[in-house]
Amino acid sequence: MTIRIVLADDHASYRATVREMIEHEPDLEVVAEASDGAGAVAAERDQTPDIVVIDVEMPRMDGIEATRRILAQHPAARVLALTLHTEACYVDSMLAAGANGYVLKQDAFTALLQGIREVAAGRRYVSPTLGDDRDGSPTPDRSSH
């Protein structure tokens, strides 16, 4: 079974690189892209993917609000944050908004692939860099935001 993905990030070159790497995986397919949170909400509505991979910080609507809206329109949606932000306030906000996982852009690409597959399978995935204890309680850098 192919995992259908909506990829949302405001940096077009980064998004293109991630898309290219994802599409080298036989079980993964990017079905839509978005450059902001509003676009991610629309793409999820139009494509009903298996998972939305979304940046936390984007223009017009950030990934936190977009996650809330995606889940409001489709409560069974699966969302994986993909971001540079290691601060607890971002991790906690994304998970509180309903995201099923949180991966860091600075992690190896294999972490993103694992996160996509774990979240698509109905499990929570938090970057090992953040110290996930696998019960959904991350122990990230607790520096203030």
C-alpha atoms as a PDB file:
ATOM      1  CA  MET A   1       0.000   0.000   0.000  1.00  0.00           C
ATOM      2  CA  THR A   2       1.287   3.455  -0.897  1.00  0.00           C
ATOM      3  CA  ILE A   3       1.254   6.156   1.779  1.00  0.00           C
ATOM      4  CA  ARG A   4      -0.167   9.341   0.248  1.00  0.00           C
ATOM      5  CA  ILE A   5       1.433  12.541   1.579  1.00  0.00           C
ATOM      6  CA  VAL A   6       0.691  16.259   1.510  1.00  0.00           C
ATOM      7  CA  LEU A   7       3.954  18.156   2.026  1.00  0.00           C
ATOM      8  CA  ALA A   8       3.744  21.703   3.414  1.00  0.00           C
ATOM      9  CA  ASP A   9       6.783  23.953   3.832  1.00  0.00           C
ATOM     10  CA  ASP A  10       7.309  27.585   2.883  1.00  0.00           C
ATOM     11  CA  HIS A  11      10.798  27.003   1.457  1.00  0.00           C
ATOM     12  CA  ALA A  12      10.276  25.786  -2.114  1.00  0.00           C
ATOM     13  CA  SER A  13      13.791  24.410  -2.563  1.00  0.00           C
ATOM     14  CA  TYR A  14      13.648  22.447   0.698  1.00  0.00           C
ATOM     15  CA  ARG A  15      10.182  21.142  -0.200  1.00  0.00           C
ATOM     16  CA  ALA A  16      11.427  20.034  -3.627  1.00  0.00           C
ATOM     17  CA  THR A  17      14.395  18.220  -2.083  1.00  0.00           C
ATOM     18  CA  VAL A  18      12.211  16.429   0.463  1.00  0.00           C
ATOM     19  CA  ARG A  19       9.694  15.496  -2.224  1.00  0.00           C
ATOM     20  CA  GLU A  20      12.419  14.042  -4.423  1.00  0.00           C
ATOM     21  CA  MET A  21      13.839  11.979  -1.561  1.00  0.00           C
ATOM     22  CA  ILE A  22      10.374  10.764  -0.470  1.00  0.00           C
ATOM     23  CA  GLU A  23       9.485   9.707  -3.990  1.00  0.00           C
ATOM     24  CA  HIS A  24      12.520   7.415  -4.138  1.00  0.00           C
ATOM     25  CA  GLU A  25      10.674   5.272  -1.590  1.00  0.00           C
ATOM     26  CA  PRO A  26       8.407   2.709  -3.297  1.00  0.00           C
ATOM     27  CA  ASP A  27       5.716   2.941  -0.589  1.00  0.00           C
ATOM     28  CA  LEU A  28       5.498   6.759  -0.417  1.00  0.00           C
ATOM     29  CA  GLU A  29       3.918   9.310  -2.771  1.00  0.00           C
ATOM     30  CA  VAL A  30       3.596  13.090  -2.456  1.00  0.00           C
ATOM     31  CA  VAL A  31       0.125  13.893  -3.797  1.00  0.00           C
ATOM     32  CA  ALA A  32       0.184  17.650  -3.118  1.00  0.00           C
ATOM     33  CA  GLU A  33       2.404  20.440  -1.857  1.00  0.00           C
ATOM     34  CA  ALA A  34       1.645  23.667  -0.022  1.00  0.00           C
ATOM     35  CA  SER A  35       3.743  26.720   0.811  1.00  0.00           C
ATOM     36  CA  ASP A  36       1.733  27.814   3.847  1.00  0.00           C
ATOM     37  CA  GLY A  37      -0.729  26.532   6.406  1.00  0.00           C
ATOM     38  CA  ALA A  38      -3.817  27.656   4.500  1.00  0.00           C
ATOM     39  CA  GLY A  39      -2.591  25.728   1.463  1.00  0.00           C
ATOM     40  CA  ALA A  40      -1.983  22.663   3.645  1.00  0.00           C
ATOM     41  CA  VAL A  41      -5.558  22.776   4.943  1.00  0.00           C
ATOM     42  CA  ALA A  42      -6.910  23.044   1.390  1.00  0.00           C
ATOM     43  CA  ALA A  43      -4.629  20.287   0.073  1.00  0.00           C
ATOM     44  CA  GLU A  44      -5.668  17.943   2.884  1.00  0.00           C
ATOM     45  CA  ARG A  45      -9.326  18.654   2.140  1.00  0.00           C
ATOM     46  CA  ASP A  46      -8.898  18.106  -1.604  1.00  0.00           C
ATOM     47  CA  GLN A  47      -6.567  15.091  -1.517  1.00  0.00           C
ATOM     48  CA  THR A  48      -7.468  13.329   1.781  1.00  0.00           C
ATOM     49  CA  PRO A  49      -3.920  11.970   2.111  1.00  0.00           C
ATOM     50  CA  ASP A  50      -2.789   9.363   4.602  1.00  0.00           C
ATOM     51  CA  ILE A  51      -0.544  11.956   6.256  1.00  0.00           C
ATOM     52  CA  VAL A  52       0.237  15.665   6.166  1.00  0.00           C
ATOM     53  CA  VAL A  53       3.914  16.517   6.716  1.00  0.00           C
ATOM     54  CA  ILE A  54       3.937  20.159   7.780  1.00  0.00           C
ATOM     55  CA  ASP A  55       6.421  22.803   8.873  1.00  0.00           C
ATOM     56  CA  VAL A  56       5.592  24.540  12.149  1.00  0.00           C
ATOM     57  CA  GLU A  57       6.497  28.082  11.134  1.00  0.00           C
ATOM     58  CA  MET A  58       5.030  29.307   7.826  1.00  0.00           C
ATOM     59  CA  PRO A  59       3.412  32.508   6.515  1.00  0.00           C
ATOM     60  CA  ARG A  60      -0.339  33.230   6.470  1.00  0.00           C
ATOM     61  CA  MET A  61      -1.085  30.358   8.848  1.00  0.00           C
ATOM     62  CA  ASP A  62       1.457  28.438  10.898  1.00  0.00           C
ATOM     63  CA  GLY A  63       1.569  24.662  11.175  1.00  0.00           C
ATOM     64  CA  ILE A  64      -0.026  24.693  14.620  1.00  0.00           C
ATOM     65  CA  GLU A  65      -3.194  26.457  13.447  1.00  0.00           C
ATOM     66  CA  ALA A  66      -3.201  24.473  10.205  1.00  0.00           C
ATOM     67  CA  THR A  67      -3.069  21.234  12.208  1.00  0.00           C
ATOM     68  CA  ARG A  68      -6.069  22.359  14.284  1.00  0.00           C
ATOM     69  CA  ARG A  69      -8.029  23.205  11.116  1.00  0.00           C
ATOM     70  CA  ILE A  70      -7.039  19.995   9.324  1.00  0.00           C
ATOM     71  CA  LEU A  71      -8.280  17.934  12.268  1.00  0.00           C
ATOM     72  CA  ALA A  72     -11.453  20.011  12.544  1.00  0.00           C
ATOM     73  CA  GLN A  73     -12.327  19.207   8.918  1.00  0.00           C
ATOM     74  CA  HIS A  74     -11.065  15.619   9.030  1.00  0.00           C
ATOM     75  CA  PRO A  75     -10.701  14.240  12.590  1.00  0.00           C
ATOM     76  CA  ALA A  76      -9.009  11.046  11.370  1.00  0.00           C
ATOM     77  CA  ALA A  77      -6.227  12.964   9.584  1.00  0.00           C
ATOM     78  CA  ARG A  78      -2.641  12.155  10.531  1.00  0.00           C
ATOM     79  CA  VAL A  79      -0.170  15.047  10.891  1.00  0.00           C
ATOM     80  CA  LEU A  80       3.618  14.974  11.233  1.00  0.00           C
ATOM     81  CA  ALA A  81       5.507  18.185  12.050  1.00  0.00           C
ATOM     82  CA  LEU A  82       8.797  18.687  10.196  1.00  0.00           C
ATOM     83  CA  THR A  83      10.711  21.650  11.601  1.00  0.00           C
ATOM     84  CA  LEU A  84      13.940  23.207  12.812  1.00  0.00           C
ATOM     85  CA  HIS A  85      12.387  24.088  16.186  1.00  0.00           C
ATOM     86  CA  THR A  86      13.614  22.015  19.121  1.00  0.00           C
ATOM     87  CA  GLU A  87      12.073  24.180  21.830  1.00  0.00           C
ATOM     88  CA  ALA A  88       9.485  22.517  24.052  1.00  0.00           C
ATOM     89  CA  CYS A  89       6.911  25.239  23.374  1.00  0.00           C
ATOM     90  CA  TYR A  90       6.779  24.226  19.688  1.00  0.00           C
ATOM     91  CA  VAL A  91       6.755  20.487  20.344  1.00  0.00           C
ATOM     92  CA  ASP A  92       4.065  20.838  22.999  1.00  0.00           C
ATOM     93  CA  SER A  93       1.967  23.194  20.859  1.00  0.00           C
ATOM     94  CA  MET A  94       2.034  20.902  17.822  1.00  0.00           C
ATOM     95  CA  LEU A  95       1.169  17.812  19.863  1.00  0.00           C
ATOM     96  CA  ALA A  96      -1.568  19.713  21.728  1.00  0.00           C
ATOM     97  CA  ALA A  97      -2.993  20.825  18.353  1.00  0.00           C
ATOM     98  CA  GLY A  98      -3.309  17.154  17.450  1.00  0.00           C
ATOM     99  CA  ALA A  99      -0.119  16.355  15.528  1.00  0.00           C
ATOM    100  CA  ASN A 100       0.801  12.686  15.705  1.00  0.00           C
ATOM    101  CA  GLY A 101       4.513  13.249  15.407  1.00  0.00           C
ATOM    102  CA  TYR A 102       7.383  15.702  15.389  1.00  0.00           C
ATOM    103  CA  VAL A 103      10.569  15.348  13.313  1.00  0.00           C
ATOM    104  CA  LEU A 104      13.486  17.748  13.128  1.00  0.00           C
ATOM    105  CA  LYS A 105      14.827  18.932   9.778  1.00  0.00           C
ATOM    106  CA  GLN A 106      18.324  18.503  11.169  1.00  0.00           C
ATOM    107  CA  ASP A 107      17.725  14.785  11.805  1.00  0.00           C
ATOM    108  CA  ALA A 108      18.864  12.226   9.267  1.00  0.00           C
ATOM    109  CA  PHE A 109      16.373  11.756   6.430  1.00  0.00           C
ATOM    110  CA  THR A 110      15.750   8.236   7.760  1.00  0.00           C
ATOM    111  CA  ALA A 111      14.070   9.817  10.810  1.00  0.00           C
ATOM    112  CA  LEU A 112      11.562  11.547   8.524  1.00  0.00           C
ATOM    113  CA  LEU A 113      10.869   8.298   6.694  1.00  0.00           C
ATOM    114  CA  GLN A 114      10.405   6.455   9.978  1.00  0.00           C
ATOM    115  CA  GLY A 115       8.156   9.237  11.270  1.00  0.00           C
ATOM    116  CA  ILE A 116       5.990   9.125   8.145  1.00  0.00           C
ATOM    117  CA  ARG A 117       5.590   5.355   8.363  1.00  0.00           C
ATOM    118  CA  GLU A 118       4.953   5.330  12.129  1.00  0.00           C
ATOM    119  CA  VAL A 119       2.355   8.112  11.998  1.00  0.00           C
ATOM    120  CA  ALA A 120       0.649   6.654   8.917  1.00  0.00           C
ATOM    121  CA  ALA A 121       0.373   3.363  10.836  1.00  0.00           C
ATOM    122  CA  GLY A 122      -1.425   5.112  13.677  1.00  0.00           C
ATOM    123  CA  ARG A 123       1.483   5.462  16.073  1.00  0.00           C
ATOM    124  CA  ARG A 124       3.092   8.569  17.561  1.00  0.00           C
ATOM    125  CA  TYR A 125       6.630   9.463  16.526  1.00  0.00           C
ATOM    126  CA  VAL A 126       8.828  12.104  18.130  1.00  0.00           C
ATOM    127  CA  SER A 127      12.381  12.686  16.966  1.00  0.00           C
ATOM    128  CA  PRO A 128      14.854  10.650  19.032  1.00  0.00           C
ATOM    129  CA  THR A 129      16.926  13.850  19.252  1.00  0.00           C
ATOM    130  CA  LEU A 130      14.198  15.257  21.494  1.00  0.00           C
ATOM    131  CA  GLY A 131      14.304  12.280  23.854  1.00  0.00           C
ATOM    132  CA  ASP A 132      10.922  10.704  23.148  1.00  0.00           C
ATOM    133  CA  ASP A 133      10.010   8.101  25.736  1.00  0.00           C
ATOM    134  CA  ARG A 134       7.614   6.502  23.180  1.00  0.00           C
ATOM    135  CA  ASP A 135       4.495   7.083  25.296  1.00  0.00           C
ATOM    136  CA  GLY A 136       3.870  10.425  23.652  1.00  0.00           C
ATOM    137  CA  SER A 137       5.645  12.523  26.274  1.00  0.00           C
ATOM    138  CA  PRO A 138       8.588  14.274  24.662  1.00  0.00           C
ATOM    139  CA  THR A 139      11.459  15.486  26.777  1.00  0.00           C
ATOM    140  CA  PRO A 140      12.897  18.200  24.524  1.00  0.00           C
ATOM    141  CA  ASP A 141      15.122  21.129  25.268  1.00  0.00           C
ATOM    142  CA  ARG A 142      13.141  23.052  27.855  1.00  0.00           C
ATOM    143  CA  SER A 143      14.628  26.435  26.978  1.00  0.00           C
ATOM    144  CA  SER A 144      12.064  29.184  26.897  1.00  0.00           C
ATOM    145  CA  HIS A 145      10.546  30.481  23.693  1.00  0.00           C
END
